[in-house]
Protein backbone atom coordinates (compact mmCIF):
# COMPACT_ATOMS: atom_id res chain seq x y z
CA MET A 1 69.05 -140.97 -84.22
CA ILE A 2 67.04 -140.36 -81.28
CA GLU A 3 68.12 -137.49 -79.22
CA ASN A 4 65.69 -137.54 -75.75
CA ASP A 5 66.46 -133.89 -75.23
CA ILE A 6 63.23 -131.63 -75.44
CA LYS A 7 62.91 -129.75 -72.03
CA ASN A 8 59.61 -127.62 -73.00
CA ILE A 9 57.39 -126.58 -75.94
CA ASN A 10 55.19 -123.27 -75.40
CA ILE A 11 53.15 -121.90 -77.99
CA LEU A 12 52.99 -118.03 -78.23
CA LYS A 13 49.61 -116.44 -78.20
CA SER A 14 50.07 -113.00 -80.58
CA PRO A 15 52.78 -111.06 -82.50
CA LYS A 16 53.23 -109.12 -79.20
CA HIS A 17 53.55 -112.03 -77.30
CA PHE A 18 56.18 -112.97 -80.21
CA TYR A 19 58.03 -109.80 -80.67
CA GLU A 20 58.80 -109.42 -76.39
CA GLU A 21 59.69 -113.19 -76.39
CA LEU A 22 62.19 -112.49 -79.51
CA LYS A 23 63.17 -109.24 -77.23
CA LEU A 24 63.77 -111.82 -73.74
CA LYS A 25 65.79 -114.38 -75.97
CA ILE A 26 68.45 -112.05 -77.63
CA LEU A 27 69.00 -110.67 -74.32
CA SER A 28 69.59 -113.87 -72.64
CA SER A 29 71.37 -115.62 -75.25
CA THR A 30 75.28 -115.85 -74.41
CA LYS A 31 76.39 -118.25 -77.01
CA ARG A 32 74.64 -118.04 -80.15
CA ILE A 33 72.11 -116.62 -82.34
CA TYR A 34 70.92 -117.65 -85.47
CA MET A 35 68.10 -116.74 -87.44
CA THR A 36 66.35 -117.28 -90.99
CA ALA A 37 63.55 -115.06 -92.66
CA LEU A 38 62.41 -113.93 -95.79
CA TYR A 39 63.52 -110.28 -94.41
CA LEU A 40 64.47 -108.31 -91.34
CA GLU A 41 62.89 -104.64 -92.40
CA ASN A 42 64.71 -101.51 -91.73
CA ASP A 43 61.83 -99.79 -90.13
CA GLU A 44 61.39 -99.55 -86.26
CA ALA A 45 60.72 -103.00 -85.28
CA GLY A 46 63.74 -104.35 -87.37
CA ARG A 47 65.86 -101.56 -86.09
CA GLU A 48 65.07 -102.20 -82.40
CA ILE A 49 65.66 -105.91 -82.60
CA LEU A 50 69.16 -105.14 -84.41
CA ASP A 51 69.89 -102.82 -81.96
CA LEU A 52 69.53 -105.33 -79.48
CA LEU A 53 71.62 -107.94 -81.48
CA TYR A 54 74.44 -105.45 -81.70
CA LYS A 55 73.93 -104.36 -77.64
CA GLN A 56 74.08 -108.25 -76.81
CA LYS A 57 77.22 -108.69 -78.82
CA GLU A 58 79.13 -105.69 -77.50
CA ARG A 59 78.17 -107.44 -74.02
CA TYR A 60 79.59 -110.94 -75.33
CA PRO A 61 82.15 -110.28 -78.27
CA ASP A 62 82.04 -114.06 -78.31
CA LEU A 63 78.71 -114.31 -79.41
CA ASP A 64 78.09 -115.79 -82.34
CA VAL A 65 75.02 -113.72 -84.41
CA SER A 66 74.33 -114.96 -87.99
CA ILE A 67 71.44 -113.61 -89.99
CA PHE A 68 69.92 -114.81 -92.70
CA VAL A 69 67.99 -113.23 -94.98
CA ASP A 70 66.53 -113.35 -98.97
CA PHE A 71 69.32 -112.16 -101.31
CA HIS A 72 66.89 -110.43 -103.44
CA ARG A 73 64.07 -109.27 -100.80
CA ALA A 74 67.23 -107.61 -99.08
CA GLN A 75 68.45 -105.44 -102.10
CA ARG A 76 65.34 -103.95 -102.93
CA GLY A 77 62.57 -101.97 -101.69
CA LEU A 78 58.84 -102.84 -101.10
CA VAL A 79 56.26 -103.87 -103.64
CA GLY A 80 54.77 -100.47 -105.07
CA ALA A 81 57.36 -98.06 -103.34
CA ASP A 82 59.55 -96.24 -105.86
CA ASN A 83 63.15 -95.11 -105.06
CA GLN A 84 63.17 -97.34 -101.69
CA ASP A 85 66.68 -98.50 -100.66
CA GLY A 86 66.90 -102.24 -99.97
CA ASN A 87 67.33 -103.40 -96.22
CA PHE A 88 71.19 -103.73 -96.65
CA GLU A 89 71.97 -100.76 -96.94
CA TYR A 90 70.91 -100.22 -93.40
CA TYR A 91 72.73 -103.75 -91.97
CA VAL A 92 75.94 -102.18 -93.90
CA LYS A 93 75.58 -98.99 -92.12
CA LEU A 94 75.53 -100.50 -88.64
CA ARG A 95 78.01 -102.95 -89.74
CA LYS A 96 80.38 -100.21 -90.38
CA GLU A 97 79.66 -98.25 -87.03
CA SER A 98 80.44 -101.14 -84.84
CA LYS A 99 83.86 -102.72 -83.63
CA ASN A 100 82.06 -106.03 -83.18
CA PRO A 101 79.57 -106.45 -86.04
CA ILE A 102 77.13 -109.21 -86.89
CA ASP A 103 76.71 -111.22 -89.64
CA ILE A 104 73.82 -110.96 -92.15
CA TYR A 105 73.80 -112.97 -95.31
CA GLY A 106 71.56 -112.69 -98.41
CA VAL A 107 70.85 -116.36 -99.66
CA PRO A 108 69.95 -116.73 -103.68
CA VAL A 109 67.56 -119.76 -104.22
CA LYS A 110 67.29 -118.60 -107.34
CA GLY A 111 68.99 -116.27 -109.73
CA VAL A 112 65.32 -113.94 -110.55
CA GLU A 113 63.26 -113.76 -106.83
CA ALA A 114 59.92 -114.61 -108.71
CA PHE A 115 61.03 -118.10 -109.43
CA GLY A 116 62.40 -118.61 -106.03
CA VAL A 117 63.28 -117.14 -102.47
CA LEU A 118 64.39 -118.33 -98.68
CA HIS A 119 61.29 -119.16 -96.95
CA VAL A 120 63.04 -121.41 -94.72
CA LYS A 121 61.74 -120.05 -91.02
CA GLY A 122 63.40 -120.57 -87.55
CA PHE A 123 65.33 -118.09 -84.75
CA VAL A 124 68.05 -120.26 -82.40
CA PHE A 125 68.85 -118.61 -79.18
CA ASP A 126 71.52 -120.66 -77.71
CA ASP A 127 69.65 -123.69 -77.05
CA THR A 128 66.06 -122.88 -77.60
CA VAL A 129 64.49 -122.56 -81.09
CA ILE A 130 61.72 -120.03 -81.84
CA TYR A 131 59.29 -121.59 -84.91
CA SER A 132 57.33 -118.81 -86.85
CA GLY A 133 56.45 -118.24 -90.38
CA ALA A 134 56.71 -114.65 -89.47
CA SER A 135 59.36 -112.31 -90.93
CA ILE A 136 60.86 -109.21 -88.88
CA ASN A 137 59.09 -105.53 -89.26
CA ASN A 138 56.53 -103.50 -87.58
CA ILE A 139 53.48 -105.56 -88.80
CA TYR A 140 54.55 -108.96 -87.83
CA LEU A 141 55.29 -108.06 -84.48
CA ASN A 142 52.43 -105.56 -83.99
CA LYS A 143 54.83 -102.87 -83.61
CA PHE A 144 52.04 -100.32 -83.77
CA ASP A 145 48.43 -100.66 -84.63
CA ARG A 146 48.07 -103.68 -87.00
CA TYR A 147 49.46 -106.91 -87.01
CA ARG A 148 49.81 -109.87 -88.89
CA ILE A 149 49.01 -113.13 -87.17
CA ASP A 150 51.23 -116.23 -87.34
CA ARG A 151 51.88 -119.18 -85.38
CA TYR A 152 54.40 -119.18 -82.71
CA PHE A 153 56.33 -122.42 -81.14
CA VAL A 154 58.99 -122.05 -78.65
CA ILE A 155 61.15 -125.06 -78.26
CA GLU A 156 63.75 -125.64 -75.45
CA SER A 157 66.06 -128.36 -77.15
CA LYS A 158 69.91 -128.49 -77.53
CA GLY A 159 69.42 -131.17 -79.88
CA LEU A 160 66.95 -129.28 -82.48
CA SER A 161 69.06 -126.28 -82.04
CA ASP A 162 72.10 -128.19 -82.99
CA CYS A 163 70.81 -129.27 -85.73
CA MET A 164 68.83 -126.43 -87.13
CA VAL A 165 72.30 -124.29 -86.45
CA SER A 166 74.47 -127.19 -88.37
CA PHE A 167 72.27 -126.99 -91.10
CA MET A 168 72.46 -122.74 -91.34
CA VAL A 169 76.22 -123.34 -91.45
CA LYS A 170 77.09 -125.74 -94.01
CA THR A 171 74.33 -124.48 -96.33
CA PHE A 172 74.41 -121.07 -96.26
CA LYS A 173 77.07 -119.45 -94.17
CA ASN A 174 79.78 -121.22 -95.75
CA ASN A 175 78.26 -121.33 -98.91
CA SER A 176 80.15 -119.20 -101.90
CA ALA A 177 76.30 -118.45 -103.47
CA THR A 178 75.50 -116.92 -99.98
CA LEU A 179 76.38 -112.68 -100.15
CA LEU A 180 77.94 -111.31 -96.68
CA PHE A 181 76.23 -107.58 -96.50
CA ASN A 182 79.18 -105.66 -95.68
CA ASN A 183 79.69 -103.11 -98.63
CA ASN A 184 77.04 -100.83 -99.98
CA THR A 185 77.45 -101.91 -103.66
CA LYS A 186 74.45 -104.18 -104.50
CA VAL A 187 75.49 -107.35 -106.26
CA SER A 188 73.75 -108.81 -108.74
CA ALA A 189 72.44 -112.42 -109.02
CA LYS A 190 74.05 -112.56 -112.68
CA SER A 191 77.70 -111.92 -111.40
CA ARG A 192 76.89 -115.29 -109.15
CA LYS A 193 75.21 -117.14 -111.99
CA ARG A 194 77.77 -120.51 -111.31
CA ASP A 195 77.83 -120.55 -107.54
CA ILE A 196 74.11 -120.41 -107.66
CA LYS A 197 73.26 -122.90 -110.12
CA LEU A 198 75.61 -125.13 -107.94
CA PHE A 199 73.64 -124.05 -104.69
CA LYS A 200 70.54 -125.23 -106.09
CA LYS A 201 72.40 -128.29 -107.01
CA GLN A 202 73.10 -128.62 -103.32
CA LEU A 203 70.21 -127.48 -101.96
CA SER A 204 67.90 -130.25 -103.73
CA GLN A 205 70.05 -132.76 -101.76
CA SER A 206 69.78 -131.08 -98.55
CA THR A 207 68.77 -132.32 -95.35
CA TYR A 208 68.32 -131.51 -91.45
CA CYS A 209 71.47 -133.62 -89.89
CA GLY A 210 70.54 -136.34 -92.01
CA PHE A 211 67.30 -137.64 -93.03
CA ASN A 212 64.87 -138.77 -90.29
CA ARG A 213 66.81 -137.29 -87.05
CA ASN A 214 64.22 -137.24 -84.36
CA PHE A 215 64.68 -135.57 -80.88
CA PHE A 216 61.92 -136.69 -78.17
CA THR A 217 60.48 -135.96 -75.00
CA ASN A 218 58.51 -139.06 -73.62
CA ASN A 219 56.34 -139.82 -76.39
CA LEU A 220 56.47 -136.58 -77.99
CA LYS A 221 58.93 -136.33 -81.24
CA ILE A 222 59.97 -133.80 -83.58
CA THR A 223 61.64 -134.50 -87.09
CA PRO A 224 63.04 -131.28 -89.10
CA TYR A 225 62.19 -131.38 -92.41
CA LEU A 226 63.95 -129.13 -95.58
CA GLY A 227 61.88 -128.73 -98.95
CA PHE A 228 63.12 -127.58 -102.53
CA GLY A 229 61.40 -128.24 -105.71
CA GLU A 230 59.19 -130.69 -107.35
CA LYS A 231 61.19 -133.68 -107.31
CA GLY A 232 61.88 -135.64 -104.13
CA ASN A 233 60.65 -132.71 -102.02
CA ARG A 234 60.41 -134.30 -98.28
CA LEU A 235 58.74 -131.56 -97.11
CA ASN A 236 56.00 -131.67 -99.70
CA GLY A 237 56.17 -135.54 -99.21
CA LYS A 238 55.44 -135.16 -95.53
CA ILE A 239 52.37 -133.39 -96.31
CA LEU A 240 50.84 -135.36 -98.71
CA GLU A 241 51.67 -138.26 -96.04
CA ILE A 242 49.96 -136.32 -93.09
CA ILE A 243 46.85 -135.71 -95.47
CA ARG A 244 46.77 -139.71 -97.03
CA GLU A 245 47.12 -140.91 -93.65
CA SER A 246 44.53 -138.81 -91.52
CA LYS A 247 41.63 -141.26 -90.25
CA LYS A 248 39.18 -139.02 -88.10
CA SER A 249 40.02 -135.29 -88.50
CA LEU A 250 42.12 -132.89 -90.47
CA LEU A 251 42.92 -129.17 -89.57
CA MET A 252 45.02 -126.89 -92.17
CA TYR A 253 45.82 -123.31 -92.20
CA THR A 254 46.80 -121.27 -95.14
CA PRO A 255 46.81 -117.82 -96.27
CA TYR A 256 46.57 -117.97 -99.76
CA PHE A 257 44.08 -120.12 -101.21
CA ASN A 258 45.63 -122.05 -104.24
CA PHE A 259 46.29 -125.80 -103.20
CA PRO A 260 48.61 -127.29 -105.60
CA LYS A 261 46.65 -130.20 -107.56
CA LYS A 262 48.43 -133.04 -105.63
CA ILE A 263 46.61 -131.86 -102.58
CA THR A 264 43.54 -130.99 -103.79
CA LYS A 265 43.63 -134.70 -104.70
CA GLU A 266 44.43 -135.97 -101.20
CA LEU A 267 41.55 -134.07 -99.73
CA GLY A 268 38.57 -135.23 -102.14
CA LYS A 269 40.25 -138.79 -101.02
CA ALA A 270 40.18 -138.19 -97.62
CA LEU A 271 36.90 -136.50 -97.77
CA LYS A 272 35.73 -139.65 -99.36
CA ARG A 273 36.78 -142.14 -97.00
CA GLY A 274 34.94 -139.61 -93.97
CA VAL A 275 37.52 -137.81 -92.47
CA LYS A 276 35.93 -134.23 -90.94
CA ILE A 277 38.39 -131.53 -92.55
CA THR A 278 38.84 -128.07 -91.46
CA ILE A 279 40.21 -125.35 -93.20
CA VAL A 280 40.71 -122.13 -91.91
CA VAL A 281 41.93 -119.32 -94.80
CA GLY A 282 42.12 -115.49 -94.53
CA ASP A 283 39.66 -113.03 -96.17
CA LYS A 284 40.80 -111.40 -99.15
CA GLN A 285 41.19 -108.23 -97.20
CA ALA A 286 43.33 -110.22 -94.69
CA ASN A 287 45.66 -111.01 -97.32
CA ASP A 288 49.04 -108.98 -97.11
CA PHE A 289 48.26 -107.95 -100.62
CA PHE A 290 45.33 -106.80 -100.32
CA ILE A 291 45.09 -102.36 -101.09
CA PRO A 292 42.13 -100.99 -99.19
CA PRO A 293 39.94 -98.73 -101.37
CA ASP A 294 41.76 -95.61 -100.25
CA ARG A 295 44.86 -96.30 -101.76
CA GLU A 296 46.21 -95.75 -105.26
CA PHE A 297 45.60 -99.33 -107.07
CA ASN A 298 48.87 -101.50 -108.08
CA LYS A 299 48.39 -104.34 -110.19
CA ILE A 300 49.45 -106.40 -107.30
CA GLY A 301 46.37 -106.27 -105.30
CA LEU A 302 44.76 -108.57 -107.71
CA LEU A 303 45.85 -111.24 -106.06
CA PRO A 304 43.29 -111.60 -103.10
CA TYR A 305 40.70 -111.43 -105.67
CA ILE A 306 42.48 -114.28 -107.58
CA TYR A 307 42.65 -116.31 -104.22
CA GLU A 308 39.11 -115.52 -103.72
CA GLN A 309 37.43 -116.90 -106.79
CA THR A 310 39.87 -119.91 -106.42
CA LEU A 311 38.41 -120.35 -103.34
CA ARG A 312 35.05 -120.07 -104.74
CA LYS A 313 35.57 -122.83 -107.75
CA PHE A 314 36.92 -125.12 -104.53
CA LEU A 315 33.86 -124.88 -102.68
CA ILE A 316 31.39 -125.44 -105.65
CA ARG A 317 33.57 -128.13 -106.43
CA PHE A 318 33.17 -130.17 -102.78
CA ASN A 319 29.97 -128.60 -101.87
CA SER A 320 28.24 -131.74 -100.69
CA TYR A 321 30.48 -132.18 -98.05
CA ILE A 322 30.01 -128.88 -97.09
CA GLU A 323 26.21 -129.06 -96.88
CA ASP A 324 26.53 -132.52 -94.89
CA GLY A 325 29.01 -131.23 -92.59
CA CYS A 326 32.39 -133.19 -93.67
CA LEU A 327 34.23 -130.22 -94.84
CA GLU A 328 34.58 -127.05 -92.82
CA PHE A 329 35.70 -123.67 -94.04
CA ARG A 330 36.63 -120.91 -91.96
CA VAL A 331 37.58 -117.19 -93.00
CA TRP A 332 39.47 -115.02 -91.26
CA LYS A 333 39.59 -111.48 -90.37
CA ASP A 334 40.07 -109.08 -87.80
CA GLY A 335 39.60 -105.33 -89.16
CA SER A 336 42.88 -104.43 -91.30
CA ASN A 337 44.83 -107.15 -89.21
CA SER A 338 46.33 -109.75 -91.91
CA TYR A 339 46.70 -113.25 -91.40
CA HIS A 340 50.20 -115.45 -92.44
CA LEU A 341 49.24 -118.75 -90.65
CA LYS A 342 50.14 -122.07 -92.37
CA GLY A 343 50.46 -125.94 -91.33
CA LEU A 344 48.56 -129.57 -90.84
CA GLU A 345 47.43 -130.97 -88.20
CA ALA A 346 45.80 -134.68 -88.37
CA ASP A 347 43.64 -136.87 -85.51
CA LYS A 348 45.21 -134.45 -82.90
CA THR A 349 48.17 -136.04 -83.11
CA GLU A 350 50.30 -135.25 -86.44
CA ILE A 351 51.52 -131.36 -86.34
CA LEU A 352 53.22 -129.98 -88.86
CA ILE A 353 54.06 -125.81 -88.23
CA THR A 354 55.86 -124.69 -91.20
CA GLY A 355 56.27 -121.55 -93.42
CA HIS A 356 55.21 -123.35 -96.56
CA ASN A 357 51.91 -121.51 -98.00
CA LEU A 358 50.57 -124.77 -99.40
CA ASN A 359 50.56 -123.24 -102.57
CA PRO A 360 52.34 -123.91 -106.32
CA ARG A 361 55.03 -121.43 -105.46
CA ALA A 362 55.98 -123.12 -102.15
CA TRP A 363 55.37 -126.72 -103.69
CA ARG A 364 57.96 -126.03 -106.85
CA LEU A 365 60.20 -122.79 -106.06
CA ASP A 366 60.69 -121.60 -103.00
CA LEU A 367 63.13 -123.06 -100.53
CA GLU A 368 61.25 -123.89 -97.62
CA ASN A 369 61.13 -125.90 -93.89
CA GLY A 370 58.73 -127.45 -91.41
CA LEU A 371 58.79 -129.13 -87.77
CA HIS A 372 56.76 -132.33 -87.54
CA ILE A 373 55.92 -132.99 -84.65
CA SER A 374 54.35 -136.75 -83.55
CA ASP A 375 52.34 -136.33 -80.49
CA PRO A 376 50.19 -139.42 -79.48
CA GLU A 377 49.54 -139.03 -75.80
CA LYS A 378 48.52 -135.66 -77.07
CA SER A 379 50.91 -133.90 -74.70
CA LEU A 380 50.34 -130.57 -76.64
CA ARG A 381 46.63 -130.62 -76.92
CA ARG A 382 45.80 -128.10 -74.55
CA GLU A 383 48.06 -125.55 -76.17
CA LEU A 384 47.05 -126.37 -79.50
CA ASP A 385 43.42 -125.80 -78.62
CA ARG A 386 43.83 -122.95 -77.12
CA GLU A 387 45.79 -121.91 -80.56
CA TYR A 388 42.96 -122.70 -82.08
CA ASP A 389 40.54 -121.14 -80.21
CA ASP A 390 42.32 -117.75 -80.34
CA ILE A 391 42.40 -118.07 -84.07
CA VAL A 392 38.96 -118.58 -84.97
CA ALA A 393 37.29 -116.32 -82.65
CA ASN A 394 38.22 -113.83 -85.54
CA THR A 395 36.84 -116.24 -88.34
CA LYS A 396 33.35 -116.37 -89.87
CA LYS A 397 32.06 -119.83 -91.03
CA ILE A 398 31.76 -120.46 -94.63
CA ASP A 399 27.96 -122.49 -95.32
CA SER A 400 28.18 -122.16 -98.94
CA TYR A 401 30.07 -121.29 -102.16
CA ARG A 402 27.49 -118.69 -102.36
CA ASP A 403 28.79 -116.67 -99.24
CA ILE A 404 32.22 -116.01 -101.59
CA SER A 405 31.99 -112.94 -103.80
CA ARG A 406 31.60 -113.61 -107.48
CA VAL A 407 33.58 -111.50 -109.58
CA ASN A 408 30.59 -109.44 -110.86
CA ASP A 409 30.10 -108.44 -107.27
CA TYR A 410 33.73 -106.84 -107.34
CA PRO A 411 34.52 -103.10 -108.06
CA LYS A 412 34.29 -101.68 -111.35
CA SER A 413 38.46 -101.45 -111.54
CA ILE A 414 39.16 -104.56 -110.09
CA LYS A 415 36.45 -106.87 -112.47
CA LYS A 416 37.96 -104.98 -115.31
CA TYR A 417 41.58 -106.65 -114.36
CA LEU A 418 39.86 -109.50 -113.41
CA LYS A 419 38.32 -110.30 -116.25
CA ARG A 420 41.18 -109.42 -118.57
CA VAL A 421 44.16 -111.67 -117.34
CA THR A 422 41.32 -114.44 -116.87
CA ARG A 423 40.48 -114.19 -120.82
CA ILE A 424 44.05 -114.36 -121.93
CA LYS A 425 44.81 -117.14 -118.79
CA LEU A 426 47.27 -115.21 -116.78
CA ASP A 427 45.55 -115.89 -113.90
CA TYR A 428 47.11 -119.57 -114.19
CA LEU A 429 50.65 -118.35 -114.67
CA ILE A 430 50.32 -115.71 -111.77
CA LYS A 431 48.61 -118.54 -109.24
CA LYS A 432 51.97 -120.61 -110.61
CA ILE A 433 54.27 -118.34 -109.00
CA LEU A 434 52.72 -115.99 -106.52
């Protein structure tokens, strides 16, 4: 089905612009607000967003407000934080204090968080979609000094908005596996084992409004994709198709350098046929798992170093293409800020905006989505080029694998742990699930 109703597409510049746009859209919505994110944090930024949502619901009691976050993530504290309540307790507190409560749901993609989470992205405000890989907290919204950079597309389209809301209602809201946070009792996934099993089966067969639903404006087309599991995953298939069909250029953003084997294989083929590939990845210090030297070390802090060594091995393998200029790597770093960009762009006409991290976890375990934009007339070119210029302003070009640290260059404690996990091949398992 073709719907020619896209009125405008705008790419926001920064986390602060994203924050302001979220607030403006909340305060201008009168019919519906549907939001999906990994989490909506009980911190200053998260509480401000929730406060605005409740105030708008007070003004417009018939406003349909539904928020979907990961079931597990909402019921635990931050990684490395002891005795910390989950965000759900704050959701319940607000709900009990309000005469017009908003609905916040926990979506259990898997029975255990380590084996899969809700990683679907998208915020719908009446007939506008804001698509970003960002969740809601102080850092993603640049509430204070630090920020986590992502991508932010604002798309005015009733058809796309209807499609995304329809999916959330049918797949999440009306499913017995999904938990409405309306009391203070923590609910275990084990108690919903049967429902989650049925839910997983449903997810593997789900699509957005029927497969191949497209939304047009002039010659630009947007198609939403869903991805879950390794087999029959349409989003994974679209990622491979974009790489496979690239002819001249390919641009990729990923925060955690850990490509699945199928992506690496297709990249090798693309290089052989002469495609110029540019990959923008975050520095290990721009990884959200990085632990600064002045803070107490936790083993989760090994991840940025594991990803960096994976990058080094990739660069060694494809070093000849780096030397002849066919493969360009750029590493992003801006002080203590972090990098969370994802997506692909082929031949400056085929664009995928997504929350998919292009790693084995996203490929096999998490529930992911993305929007494929086909733009043969390059109507978004100016916006996309501006976005790229802003991103690479904080990058350093990698000329050789020798520019990347070796394990022996790391601090003694990091080196000790890394050698231990490598010796027992635990790094292989870590890269599969994190």
